[in-house]
N, C-alpha and C. Protein backbone atom coordinates (compact mmCIF):
# COMPACT_ATOMS: atom_id res chain seq x y z
N MET A 1 -11.72 22.21 2.87
CA MET A 1 -11.20 20.53 2.92
C MET A 1 -12.28 19.67 3.39
N ALA A 2 -12.23 18.69 2.55
CA ALA A 2 -13.40 17.61 2.96
C ALA A 2 -13.17 17.18 4.03
N LYS A 3 -14.09 16.80 4.89
CA LYS A 3 -14.11 16.45 6.29
C LYS A 3 -14.15 14.73 6.34
N MET A 4 -13.45 14.05 7.17
CA MET A 4 -13.13 12.69 6.89
C MET A 4 -13.91 12.11 7.96
N GLY A 5 -14.87 11.18 7.90
CA GLY A 5 -15.66 10.49 8.95
C GLY A 5 -14.90 9.63 10.01
N TYR A 6 -15.68 9.56 10.96
CA TYR A 6 -15.05 9.18 12.13
C TYR A 6 -14.77 7.62 11.92
N GLY A 7 -15.16 6.79 10.92
CA GLY A 7 -14.61 5.47 10.66
C GLY A 7 -13.25 5.70 9.97
N GLY A 8 -12.98 6.79 9.11
CA GLY A 8 -11.86 6.92 8.41
C GLY A 8 -10.77 7.37 9.65
N ILE A 9 -11.02 8.02 10.52
CA ILE A 9 -10.03 8.94 11.70
C ILE A 9 -9.81 7.39 12.40
N ILE A 10 -10.86 6.66 12.94
CA ILE A 10 -10.49 5.42 13.56
C ILE A 10 -9.62 4.40 12.81
N ALA A 11 -9.72 4.44 11.52
CA ALA A 11 -8.72 3.58 10.92
C ALA A 11 -7.63 4.03 10.78
N ILE A 12 -7.35 5.29 10.76
CA ILE A 12 -5.96 5.99 10.60
C ILE A 12 -5.16 5.73 11.88
N VAL A 13 -6.08 6.05 12.84
CA VAL A 13 -5.38 5.93 14.21
C VAL A 13 -4.66 4.68 14.75
N VAL A 14 -5.51 3.57 14.12
CA VAL A 14 -5.43 2.20 14.38
C VAL A 14 -4.27 1.76 13.73
N ALA A 15 -4.25 2.01 12.38
CA ALA A 15 -3.11 1.94 11.62
C ALA A 15 -1.88 2.56 12.01
N MET A 16 -1.92 3.92 12.64
CA MET A 16 -0.53 4.40 12.69
C MET A 16 -0.35 3.54 14.27
N ALA A 17 -1.12 3.49 15.41
CA ALA A 17 -0.73 2.95 16.32
C ALA A 17 -0.16 1.41 15.69
N LEU A 18 -0.47 0.53 14.79
CA LEU A 18 0.12 -0.49 14.53
C LEU A 18 1.48 -0.39 13.96
N ILE A 19 1.63 0.46 13.46
CA ILE A 19 2.91 1.15 12.84
C ILE A 19 3.71 1.22 13.78
N PHE A 20 3.68 2.08 14.87
CA PHE A 20 4.22 2.77 15.68
C PHE A 20 4.82 1.39 17.03
N SER A 21 3.86 0.30 16.96
CA SER A 21 3.96 -0.62 17.97
C SER A 21 5.00 -1.77 17.30
N TYR A 22 5.41 -1.60 15.98
CA TYR A 22 6.43 -2.30 15.41
C TYR A 22 7.57 -2.25 16.33
N SER A 23 8.17 -0.99 16.77
CA SER A 23 9.26 -0.63 17.63
C SER A 23 8.93 -1.18 19.02
N ILE A 24 7.89 -2.00 19.35
CA ILE A 24 7.94 -2.48 20.66
C ILE A 24 7.89 -3.65 20.68
N PRO A 25 8.92 -4.49 20.98
CA PRO A 25 9.15 -5.78 20.87
C PRO A 25 7.98 -6.87 21.39
N GLY A 26 7.47 -6.62 22.70
CA GLY A 26 6.45 -7.04 23.45
C GLY A 26 5.37 -7.06 22.53
N ILE A 27 4.59 -5.89 22.16
CA ILE A 27 3.55 -6.08 21.18
C ILE A 27 3.71 -6.79 19.98
N ARG A 28 4.83 -6.34 19.27
CA ARG A 28 5.07 -7.05 18.08
C ARG A 28 4.86 -8.47 18.03
N ASP A 29 5.65 -9.25 19.01
CA ASP A 29 5.79 -10.62 19.27
C ASP A 29 4.29 -11.30 19.94
N GLY A 30 3.94 -10.33 20.54
CA GLY A 30 2.43 -10.66 21.07
C GLY A 30 1.45 -11.02 20.06
N VAL A 31 1.37 -10.06 19.02
CA VAL A 31 0.60 -10.06 17.70
C VAL A 31 0.91 -11.19 16.98
N GLY A 32 2.32 -11.28 16.94
CA GLY A 32 2.63 -12.35 15.67
C GLY A 32 2.45 -13.86 16.16
N GLY A 33 2.51 -13.97 17.77
CA GLY A 33 2.36 -15.11 18.53
C GLY A 33 0.94 -15.48 18.49
N GLY A 34 0.26 -14.55 18.69
CA GLY A 34 -1.33 -14.78 18.52
C GLY A 34 -1.90 -15.39 17.40
N ILE A 35 -1.41 -14.69 16.25
CA ILE A 35 -1.84 -14.89 14.79
C ILE A 35 -1.07 -16.48 14.58
N ASP A 36 0.04 -16.82 14.87
CA ASP A 36 0.68 -17.99 14.98
C ASP A 36 -0.33 -19.05 15.25
N LEU A 37 -1.17 -19.09 16.16
CA LEU A 37 -1.95 -19.97 16.85
C LEU A 37 -2.95 -20.35 15.81
N VAL A 38 -3.34 -19.46 14.60
CA VAL A 38 -4.17 -19.79 13.41
C VAL A 38 -3.16 -19.98 12.21
N PHE A 39 -1.93 -19.52 11.90
CA PHE A 39 -1.53 -19.36 10.56
C PHE A 39 -0.60 -20.53 11.00
N GLY A 40 0.01 -20.66 12.04
CA GLY A 40 0.82 -21.63 12.11
C GLY A 40 0.80 -22.99 11.49
N PRO A 41 -0.26 -23.60 12.02
CA PRO A 41 -0.62 -25.13 11.20
C PRO A 41 -0.65 -25.08 10.06
N LEU A 42 -1.28 -24.32 9.37
CA LEU A 42 -1.29 -23.70 8.16
C LEU A 42 -0.18 -23.76 7.40
N ALA A 43 0.77 -23.03 7.98
CA ALA A 43 2.23 -22.68 7.14
C ALA A 43 2.88 -23.89 7.12
N GLY A 44 2.72 -24.78 8.27
CA GLY A 44 3.48 -26.16 8.01
C GLY A 44 3.01 -27.14 7.01
N SER A 45 2.08 -26.82 6.43
CA SER A 45 1.46 -27.78 5.35
C SER A 45 2.04 -27.49 4.04
N VAL A 46 2.60 -26.42 3.80
CA VAL A 46 3.37 -26.21 2.60
C VAL A 46 4.41 -25.33 2.53
N PRO A 47 5.38 -25.28 1.64
CA PRO A 47 6.90 -24.60 1.86
C PRO A 47 6.50 -23.02 2.17
N PHE A 48 7.18 -22.66 2.86
CA PHE A 48 6.87 -21.17 3.53
C PHE A 48 6.89 -20.41 2.53
N TYR A 49 7.67 -20.18 1.46
CA TYR A 49 7.83 -19.38 0.37
C TYR A 49 6.37 -19.54 -0.33
N VAL A 50 5.77 -20.60 -0.47
CA VAL A 50 4.68 -20.83 -1.02
C VAL A 50 3.58 -19.85 -0.02
N PHE A 51 3.55 -20.35 0.96
CA PHE A 51 2.59 -19.70 2.22
C PHE A 51 2.81 -18.20 1.92
N ILE A 52 3.79 -17.54 1.68
CA ILE A 52 3.78 -16.18 1.50
C ILE A 52 3.12 -15.67 0.41
N ILE A 53 3.08 -16.47 -0.65
CA ILE A 53 2.44 -16.09 -2.07
C ILE A 53 0.66 -16.22 -1.61
N ILE A 54 0.48 -17.07 -0.92
CA ILE A 54 -0.98 -17.28 -0.66
C ILE A 54 -1.52 -15.97 0.48
N LEU A 55 -0.53 -15.82 1.17
CA LEU A 55 -1.26 -14.45 2.12
C LEU A 55 -0.86 -12.93 1.34
N SER A 56 -0.01 -12.98 0.27
CA SER A 56 0.25 -12.03 -0.68
C SER A 56 -1.07 -11.83 -1.53
N ALA A 57 -1.34 -13.00 -2.11
CA ALA A 57 -2.69 -13.13 -2.67
C ALA A 57 -3.91 -12.48 -2.01
N LEU A 58 -3.89 -12.88 -0.59
CA LEU A 58 -5.19 -12.60 -0.06
C LEU A 58 -5.14 -11.00 0.29
N THR A 59 -3.77 -10.39 0.66
CA THR A 59 -3.78 -9.04 1.03
C THR A 59 -4.06 -8.09 -0.51
N ALA A 60 -3.76 -8.74 -1.59
CA ALA A 60 -3.72 -8.34 -2.92
C ALA A 60 -5.15 -8.15 -3.28
N ILE A 61 -5.89 -9.23 -2.96
CA ILE A 61 -7.67 -9.12 -3.10
C ILE A 61 -8.22 -8.35 -2.44
N TYR A 62 -7.89 -8.16 -0.81
CA TYR A 62 -8.49 -7.63 -0.05
C TYR A 62 -8.37 -5.91 -0.28
N SER A 63 -6.89 -5.63 -0.47
CA SER A 63 -6.72 -4.27 -0.66
C SER A 63 -7.42 -3.52 -2.08
N SER A 64 -7.27 -4.56 -2.91
CA SER A 64 -7.98 -4.12 -4.20
C SER A 64 -9.84 -3.83 -4.01
N LEU A 65 -10.15 -4.72 -3.42
CA LEU A 65 -11.55 -4.71 -3.16
C LEU A 65 -12.01 -3.24 -2.32
N ILE A 66 -11.08 -3.20 -1.38
CA ILE A 66 -11.18 -2.05 -0.49
C ILE A 66 -11.18 -0.59 -1.13
N GLN A 67 -10.25 -0.69 -2.10
CA GLN A 67 -9.85 0.35 -3.12
C GLN A 67 -11.02 0.26 -3.90
N LYS A 68 -11.60 -0.33 -4.56
CA LYS A 68 -12.54 -0.23 -5.60
C LYS A 68 -13.84 0.22 -4.94
N TYR A 69 -14.08 0.00 -3.84
CA TYR A 69 -15.49 0.52 -3.02
C TYR A 69 -15.23 1.56 -2.66
N THR A 70 -14.00 2.04 -2.36
CA THR A 70 -13.80 3.53 -1.38
C THR A 70 -13.55 4.49 -2.32
N ILE A 71 -12.75 4.26 -3.49
CA ILE A 71 -12.17 5.33 -4.50
C ILE A 71 -12.70 5.42 -5.87
N ASP A 72 -13.45 6.70 -6.09
CA ASP A 72 -13.95 6.58 -7.40
C ASP A 72 -13.02 7.03 -8.26
N TYR A 73 -12.63 6.07 -9.31
CA TYR A 73 -11.25 6.09 -10.14
C TYR A 73 -11.83 6.95 -11.41
N GLU A 74 -13.46 7.28 -11.72
CA GLU A 74 -13.70 8.06 -12.68
C GLU A 74 -13.35 9.35 -12.12
N LYS A 75 -13.92 9.82 -11.16
CA LYS A 75 -13.57 11.27 -10.43
C LYS A 75 -12.22 11.59 -10.36
N MET A 76 -11.33 10.34 -9.96
CA MET A 76 -9.76 10.79 -9.81
C MET A 76 -9.29 11.02 -11.11
N GLN A 77 -9.61 10.20 -12.45
CA GLN A 77 -9.02 10.49 -13.53
C GLN A 77 -9.32 11.93 -14.18
N GLU A 78 -10.57 12.20 -13.68
CA GLU A 78 -11.39 13.43 -14.21
C GLU A 78 -10.48 14.84 -13.75
N VAL A 79 -10.20 14.56 -12.22
CA VAL A 79 -9.27 15.67 -11.64
C VAL A 79 -7.48 15.76 -12.32
N GLN A 80 -7.13 14.57 -12.41
CA GLN A 80 -5.89 14.53 -13.22
C GLN A 80 -5.65 15.28 -14.36
N GLU A 81 -6.79 14.72 -15.26
CA GLU A 81 -6.74 15.29 -16.69
C GLU A 81 -7.13 17.05 -16.58
N ARG A 82 -7.81 17.17 -15.46
CA ARG A 82 -7.81 18.77 -15.55
C ARG A 82 -6.80 19.46 -14.95
N MET A 83 -6.01 18.81 -13.94
CA MET A 83 -4.84 19.31 -13.44
C MET A 83 -3.90 19.34 -14.53
N LYS A 84 -3.64 18.30 -15.42
CA LYS A 84 -2.55 18.41 -16.56
C LYS A 84 -2.91 19.54 -17.62
N ALA A 85 -4.35 19.34 -18.04
CA ALA A 85 -4.75 20.72 -18.70
C ALA A 85 -4.52 22.28 -18.06
N PHE A 86 -4.66 22.44 -16.84
CA PHE A 86 -4.51 23.71 -16.20
C PHE A 86 -3.01 23.49 -16.08
N GLN A 87 -1.92 22.95 -15.61
CA GLN A 87 -0.77 23.05 -15.72
C GLN A 87 -0.20 23.53 -17.13
N LYS A 88 -0.72 22.67 -18.19
CA LYS A 88 -0.37 23.34 -19.42
C LYS A 88 -0.52 24.63 -19.94
N ASP A 89 -1.91 24.81 -19.41
CA ASP A 89 -2.22 26.34 -19.78
C ASP A 89 -1.41 27.31 -18.94
N PHE A 90 -1.14 26.98 -17.65
CA PHE A 90 -0.55 27.95 -17.08
C PHE A 90 0.93 28.15 -17.57
N ARG A 91 1.62 26.95 -17.89
CA ARG A 91 3.03 26.95 -18.47
C ARG A 91 2.91 27.91 -19.69
N GLU A 92 1.98 27.74 -20.46
CA GLU A 92 2.08 28.53 -21.69
C GLU A 92 1.60 29.96 -21.60
N ALA A 93 0.89 30.23 -20.48
CA ALA A 93 0.83 31.71 -20.20
C ALA A 93 2.10 32.37 -19.60
N GLN A 94 2.67 31.44 -18.91
CA GLN A 94 3.85 32.17 -18.10
C GLN A 94 5.15 32.41 -19.56
N LEU A 95 5.23 31.51 -20.29
CA LEU A 95 6.14 31.47 -21.35
C LEU A 95 5.76 32.51 -22.30
N SER A 96 4.45 32.91 -22.61
CA SER A 96 4.01 33.65 -23.51
C SER A 96 4.06 35.27 -22.62
N GLY A 97 4.24 35.36 -21.48
CA GLY A 97 4.39 36.56 -20.57
C GLY A 97 2.74 37.12 -20.58
N ASP A 98 1.88 36.45 -20.67
CA ASP A 98 0.55 37.04 -20.45
C ASP A 98 -0.07 37.01 -19.19
N GLU A 99 -0.01 38.46 -18.77
CA GLU A 99 -0.08 38.73 -17.35
C GLU A 99 -1.61 38.23 -16.92
N LYS A 100 -2.67 38.78 -17.96
CA LYS A 100 -3.95 38.88 -17.55
C LYS A 100 -4.42 37.41 -17.37
N ARG A 101 -3.86 36.38 -18.60
CA ARG A 101 -4.07 35.12 -18.30
C ARG A 101 -3.53 34.27 -17.18
N ILE A 102 -2.32 34.58 -16.84
CA ILE A 102 -2.03 34.02 -15.61
C ILE A 102 -2.60 34.41 -14.44
N LYS A 103 -3.23 35.81 -14.43
CA LYS A 103 -4.00 36.18 -13.25
C LYS A 103 -5.26 35.31 -13.04
N LYS A 104 -5.94 35.05 -14.32
CA LYS A 104 -6.79 34.49 -14.48
C LYS A 104 -6.85 32.92 -13.90
N LEU A 105 -5.78 32.50 -14.43
CA LEU A 105 -5.39 30.84 -13.80
C LEU A 105 -5.25 30.94 -12.60
N GLU A 106 -4.47 31.90 -11.87
CA GLU A 106 -3.91 31.92 -10.46
C GLU A 106 -5.54 31.87 -9.65
N GLY A 107 -6.48 32.35 -10.47
CA GLY A 107 -7.64 32.25 -9.52
C GLY A 107 -8.41 30.91 -9.42
N ARG A 108 -7.99 30.03 -10.64
CA ARG A 108 -8.42 28.90 -10.60
C ARG A 108 -7.43 27.89 -9.82
N ARG A 109 -6.41 28.15 -9.54
CA ARG A 109 -5.41 27.43 -8.70
C ARG A 109 -6.01 26.87 -7.40
N ASP A 110 -6.70 27.64 -6.58
CA ASP A 110 -7.03 27.25 -5.51
C ASP A 110 -8.11 26.15 -5.66
N LYS A 111 -9.12 26.27 -6.69
CA LYS A 111 -10.11 25.08 -6.75
C LYS A 111 -9.34 23.93 -7.27
N MET A 112 -8.36 23.72 -8.07
CA MET A 112 -7.72 22.71 -8.50
C MET A 112 -6.83 22.20 -7.27
N MET A 113 -6.12 22.97 -6.46
CA MET A 113 -5.34 22.10 -5.31
C MET A 113 -6.41 21.69 -4.51
N LYS A 114 -7.76 22.23 -4.30
CA LYS A 114 -8.43 21.75 -3.18
C LYS A 114 -8.81 20.30 -3.87
N GLU A 115 -9.27 20.39 -5.03
CA GLU A 115 -9.68 19.00 -5.80
C GLU A 115 -8.72 17.88 -5.45
N GLN A 116 -7.23 18.37 -5.93
CA GLN A 116 -6.15 17.24 -5.66
C GLN A 116 -5.98 16.77 -3.95
N LEU A 117 -6.37 17.75 -3.24
CA LEU A 117 -6.05 17.71 -1.83
C LEU A 117 -7.36 16.57 -1.46
N ASP A 118 -8.46 16.86 -1.88
CA ASP A 118 -9.94 15.94 -1.66
C ASP A 118 -9.50 14.50 -2.01
N MET A 119 -8.72 14.49 -3.18
CA MET A 119 -8.32 13.15 -4.07
C MET A 119 -7.39 12.46 -3.04
N SER A 120 -6.41 12.93 -2.48
CA SER A 120 -5.43 12.49 -2.00
C SER A 120 -5.88 12.14 -0.53
N GLN A 121 -6.89 12.80 0.21
CA GLN A 121 -7.52 12.35 1.26
C GLN A 121 -8.09 11.33 0.86
N ASN A 122 -8.96 10.91 -0.22
CA ASN A 122 -9.73 9.71 -0.31
C ASN A 122 -8.85 8.50 -0.67
N GLN A 123 -7.68 8.70 -1.26
CA GLN A 123 -6.75 7.73 -1.53
C GLN A 123 -6.38 6.95 0.07
N PHE A 124 -5.94 8.06 1.00
CA PHE A 124 -5.49 7.87 2.11
C PHE A 124 -6.37 7.07 2.99
N LYS A 125 -7.62 7.08 2.66
CA LYS A 125 -8.62 6.29 3.73
C LYS A 125 -8.73 4.80 3.52
N PRO A 126 -8.71 4.40 2.43
CA PRO A 126 -8.43 2.80 2.15
C PRO A 126 -7.37 2.45 2.47
N MET A 127 -6.01 3.30 2.37
CA MET A 127 -4.70 2.93 2.97
C MET A 127 -4.77 2.56 4.25
N ALA A 128 -5.33 3.28 5.17
CA ALA A 128 -5.62 2.91 6.31
C ALA A 128 -5.90 1.68 6.70
N TYR A 129 -7.03 1.27 6.04
CA TYR A 129 -7.93 0.22 6.44
C TYR A 129 -7.05 -1.04 6.22
N ILE A 130 -6.36 -0.73 4.45
CA ILE A 130 -5.72 -1.89 4.19
C ILE A 130 -4.34 -2.02 5.33
N MET A 131 -3.77 -1.08 5.93
CA MET A 131 -2.75 -1.29 6.83
C MET A 131 -2.90 -2.38 8.08
N ILE A 132 -4.15 -1.99 8.59
CA ILE A 132 -4.81 -2.58 9.86
C ILE A 132 -4.67 -4.15 9.49
N VAL A 133 -5.15 -4.69 8.20
CA VAL A 133 -4.80 -6.16 8.04
C VAL A 133 -3.24 -6.47 7.55
N SER A 134 -2.72 -5.68 6.92
CA SER A 134 -1.23 -5.85 6.53
C SER A 134 -0.07 -5.95 7.51
N VAL A 135 -0.49 -4.72 8.41
CA VAL A 135 0.49 -4.74 9.24
C VAL A 135 0.84 -6.02 10.22
N PRO A 136 -0.22 -6.36 10.75
CA PRO A 136 -0.23 -7.70 11.45
C PRO A 136 0.11 -9.09 10.71
N ILE A 137 -0.03 -8.93 9.46
CA ILE A 137 0.56 -10.12 8.71
C ILE A 137 2.09 -9.98 8.87
N PHE A 138 2.85 -8.78 8.68
CA PHE A 138 3.93 -8.61 8.40
C PHE A 138 4.42 -8.89 9.93
N PHE A 139 3.82 -8.64 11.11
CA PHE A 139 4.29 -8.94 12.72
C PHE A 139 4.45 -10.87 12.53
N TRP A 140 3.31 -11.21 12.20
CA TRP A 140 3.34 -12.93 12.35
C TRP A 140 4.57 -13.20 11.36
N LEU A 141 4.67 -13.01 9.89
CA LEU A 141 5.90 -13.19 9.00
C LEU A 141 7.18 -13.16 9.78
N LEU A 142 7.31 -11.83 10.57
CA LEU A 142 8.74 -11.66 11.24
C LEU A 142 9.01 -12.81 12.53
N TYR A 143 7.36 -12.83 13.09
CA TYR A 143 7.46 -13.56 14.48
C TYR A 143 8.08 -15.13 14.19
N ARG A 144 7.25 -15.71 12.93
CA ARG A 144 7.55 -16.83 12.51
C ARG A 144 8.71 -17.14 12.03
N LEU A 145 9.61 -16.40 11.10
CA LEU A 145 10.83 -16.52 10.68
C LEU A 145 12.04 -16.33 11.73
N SER A 146 11.57 -15.48 12.62
CA SER A 146 12.26 -15.21 13.94
C SER A 146 12.49 -16.63 14.69
N ASN A 147 11.61 -17.18 14.99
CA ASN A 147 11.30 -18.47 15.78
C ASN A 147 11.51 -19.72 15.12
N PHE A 148 11.06 -19.79 13.97
CA PHE A 148 11.01 -21.04 12.96
C PHE A 148 11.77 -20.65 11.64
N PRO A 149 12.87 -20.27 11.37
CA PRO A 149 13.70 -20.01 10.36
C PRO A 149 13.51 -21.18 9.14
N ASP A 150 13.07 -20.55 8.15
CA ASP A 150 12.97 -21.56 6.95
C ASP A 150 14.43 -21.41 6.21
N ASN A 151 14.77 -22.68 5.90
CA ASN A 151 16.26 -22.80 5.54
C ASN A 151 16.00 -23.36 4.01
N ILE A 152 14.79 -23.41 3.32
CA ILE A 152 14.89 -23.76 1.94
C ILE A 152 15.17 -22.49 1.18
N ALA A 153 16.28 -22.89 0.21
CA ALA A 153 16.57 -21.63 -0.59
C ALA A 153 15.75 -21.81 -1.81
N ILE A 154 15.49 -20.53 -2.53
CA ILE A 154 14.54 -19.99 -3.27
C ILE A 154 15.25 -19.14 -4.17
N THR A 155 15.06 -19.11 -5.66
CA THR A 155 15.66 -18.41 -6.65
C THR A 155 14.84 -16.90 -6.56
N MET A 156 15.40 -15.84 -5.77
CA MET A 156 14.63 -14.38 -5.99
C MET A 156 15.02 -13.83 -7.40
N PRO A 157 14.07 -13.34 -7.61
CA PRO A 157 14.05 -12.27 -8.93
C PRO A 157 15.37 -11.18 -8.58
N PHE A 158 16.30 -11.03 -9.65
CA PHE A 158 17.33 -10.04 -9.34
C PHE A 158 18.75 -10.62 -8.33
N PHE A 159 18.25 -11.56 -7.60
CA PHE A 159 19.08 -11.73 -6.55
C PHE A 159 19.74 -13.06 -6.59
N GLY A 160 19.14 -13.96 -7.25
CA GLY A 160 19.45 -15.46 -7.22
C GLY A 160 18.93 -16.21 -5.81
N LEU A 161 19.93 -17.17 -6.00
CA LEU A 161 19.54 -18.22 -4.63
C LEU A 161 19.83 -17.62 -3.23
N HIS A 162 18.97 -17.73 -2.59
CA HIS A 162 18.53 -17.29 -1.01
C HIS A 162 17.44 -18.10 -0.10
N THR A 163 18.10 -18.21 1.20
CA THR A 163 16.92 -18.39 2.15
C THR A 163 16.00 -17.19 2.31
N LEU A 164 14.96 -17.40 2.83
CA LEU A 164 14.13 -16.11 3.26
C LEU A 164 14.32 -15.19 4.36
N THR A 165 15.66 -15.88 4.99
CA THR A 165 16.22 -14.90 6.09
C THR A 165 17.30 -14.24 5.96
N ASP A 166 17.91 -14.47 4.60
CA ASP A 166 18.98 -13.79 4.25
C ASP A 166 18.64 -12.46 4.14
N MET A 167 19.51 -11.44 4.47
CA MET A 167 19.74 -10.01 3.93
C MET A 167 20.10 -9.94 2.54
N ILE A 168 19.22 -9.06 1.47
CA ILE A 168 19.74 -9.07 0.06
C ILE A 168 19.64 -7.49 -0.15
N LEU A 169 19.15 -6.77 0.92
CA LEU A 169 19.01 -5.34 0.53
C LEU A 169 19.36 -4.52 1.52
N GLY A 170 20.54 -4.66 1.64
CA GLY A 170 21.33 -3.94 3.05
C GLY A 170 20.24 -4.56 4.35
N PRO A 171 19.44 -3.90 5.22
CA PRO A 171 18.86 -4.61 6.17
C PRO A 171 17.80 -5.38 5.78
N VAL A 172 17.13 -5.42 4.81
CA VAL A 172 15.99 -5.87 4.27
C VAL A 172 16.13 -7.33 3.93
N PRO A 173 15.48 -8.08 4.87
CA PRO A 173 15.40 -9.67 4.38
C PRO A 173 14.74 -10.01 3.20
N ALA A 174 15.16 -11.03 2.71
CA ALA A 174 14.71 -11.57 1.67
C ALA A 174 13.17 -12.05 1.70
N TRP A 175 12.61 -12.21 2.66
CA TRP A 175 11.02 -12.57 2.82
C TRP A 175 10.24 -11.30 2.47
N ILE A 176 10.70 -10.02 2.70
CA ILE A 176 10.14 -8.72 2.42
C ILE A 176 10.06 -8.47 1.12
N PHE A 177 11.33 -8.90 0.55
CA PHE A 177 11.17 -8.75 -0.82
C PHE A 177 10.44 -9.41 -1.70
N TRP A 178 10.45 -10.94 -1.16
CA TRP A 178 9.79 -12.20 -1.64
C TRP A 178 8.07 -11.43 -1.46
N TYR A 179 7.73 -11.02 -0.31
CA TYR A 179 6.48 -10.86 -0.09
C TYR A 179 5.93 -9.78 -1.33
N MET A 180 6.79 -8.67 -1.11
CA MET A 180 6.47 -7.59 -1.91
C MET A 180 6.34 -7.80 -3.72
N ILE A 181 6.99 -8.61 -4.07
CA ILE A 181 7.32 -8.75 -5.29
C ILE A 181 6.14 -9.60 -5.53
N CYS A 182 5.69 -10.73 -5.01
CA CYS A 182 4.15 -11.55 -4.70
C CYS A 182 3.10 -10.51 -4.92
N SER A 183 3.18 -9.71 -3.82
CA SER A 183 2.01 -9.05 -3.73
C SER A 183 1.85 -7.88 -4.76
N LEU A 184 2.95 -7.34 -5.41
CA LEU A 184 2.48 -6.35 -6.30
C LEU A 184 2.14 -6.93 -7.45
N THR A 185 2.80 -8.32 -8.07
CA THR A 185 2.25 -9.11 -9.13
C THR A 185 0.95 -9.45 -9.32
N ILE A 186 0.55 -9.99 -7.78
CA ILE A 186 -0.94 -10.40 -7.94
C ILE A 186 -1.74 -9.27 -7.96
N SER A 187 -1.56 -8.36 -7.25
CA SER A 187 -2.43 -7.27 -7.20
C SER A 187 -2.59 -6.83 -8.58
N GLN A 188 -1.54 -6.80 -9.63
CA GLN A 188 -1.57 -6.08 -10.88
C GLN A 188 -2.86 -6.90 -11.31
N VAL A 189 -2.63 -8.23 -11.45
CA VAL A 189 -3.76 -9.21 -12.06
C VAL A 189 -5.06 -8.87 -11.31
N VAL A 190 -5.28 -8.90 -10.07
CA VAL A 190 -6.43 -8.63 -9.24
C VAL A 190 -7.08 -7.44 -9.77
N ARG A 191 -6.41 -6.39 -10.01
CA ARG A 191 -6.72 -5.04 -10.19
C ARG A 191 -7.27 -4.68 -11.60
N LYS A 192 -6.51 -5.43 -12.57
CA LYS A 192 -7.14 -5.44 -13.74
C LYS A 192 -8.33 -6.12 -13.95
N ALA A 193 -8.59 -7.49 -13.31
CA ALA A 193 -9.68 -8.13 -13.52
C ALA A 193 -10.88 -7.28 -12.67
N LEU A 194 -10.72 -6.57 -11.52
CA LEU A 194 -11.63 -5.50 -10.89
C LEU A 194 -11.83 -4.16 -11.84
N GLY A 195 -11.01 -4.12 -12.67
CA GLY A 195 -11.24 -2.98 -13.47
C GLY A 195 -10.98 -1.56 -13.03
N ILE A 196 -9.79 -1.73 -12.02
CA ILE A 196 -9.48 -0.30 -11.28
C ILE A 196 -7.99 -0.13 -11.74
N GLY A 197 -8.07 1.23 -11.67
CA GLY A 197 -6.74 1.48 -12.26
C GLY A 197 -5.49 1.70 -10.92
N GLY A 198 -4.26 2.13 -11.15
CA GLY A 198 -3.37 2.28 -10.39
C GLY A 198 -3.66 3.84 -9.52
N ILE A 199 -2.85 3.68 -8.11
CA ILE A 199 -2.89 4.89 -7.32
C ILE A 199 -1.40 5.54 -7.52
């Protein structure tokens, strides 16, 4: 198993702590209030739904750059292609009842599984760094909309006209849905421009 460096371990621990702190109102509001000292004046200069687009663009660019320089996409594609070929060979051997071939392929399976595990670890490390930035932004959005609700209605994809504080997916407010739609859309453009694939 590939070992993760101290930097990766620290990033993961911090990211997990941020996620856990979401359940602690004092920490969540403290982080949100601190960030509001910087973002608050900026947010007041444009409609809030536009400011969410700006934030989602910044996080899309940041996360895409992190992934571009921490993930070996060529190696990832090679591993995926080898795994597809292996699975096809293994399935054919099982269907034909070729015990000798099955035994030979089973000997390769551990190596294939190790490669997949290494690839998963390499993908998890940048996700931790991304969360270090993304989670505080979510804290701030929650803080801002809780204390300064935005009553401007916008047309949401699939859901029609809503304000950002409306609940549109059970307990999920419209602002989260809006942020995710904007982030995913902008991220696809940024990733294409940087020449990196999806995860």
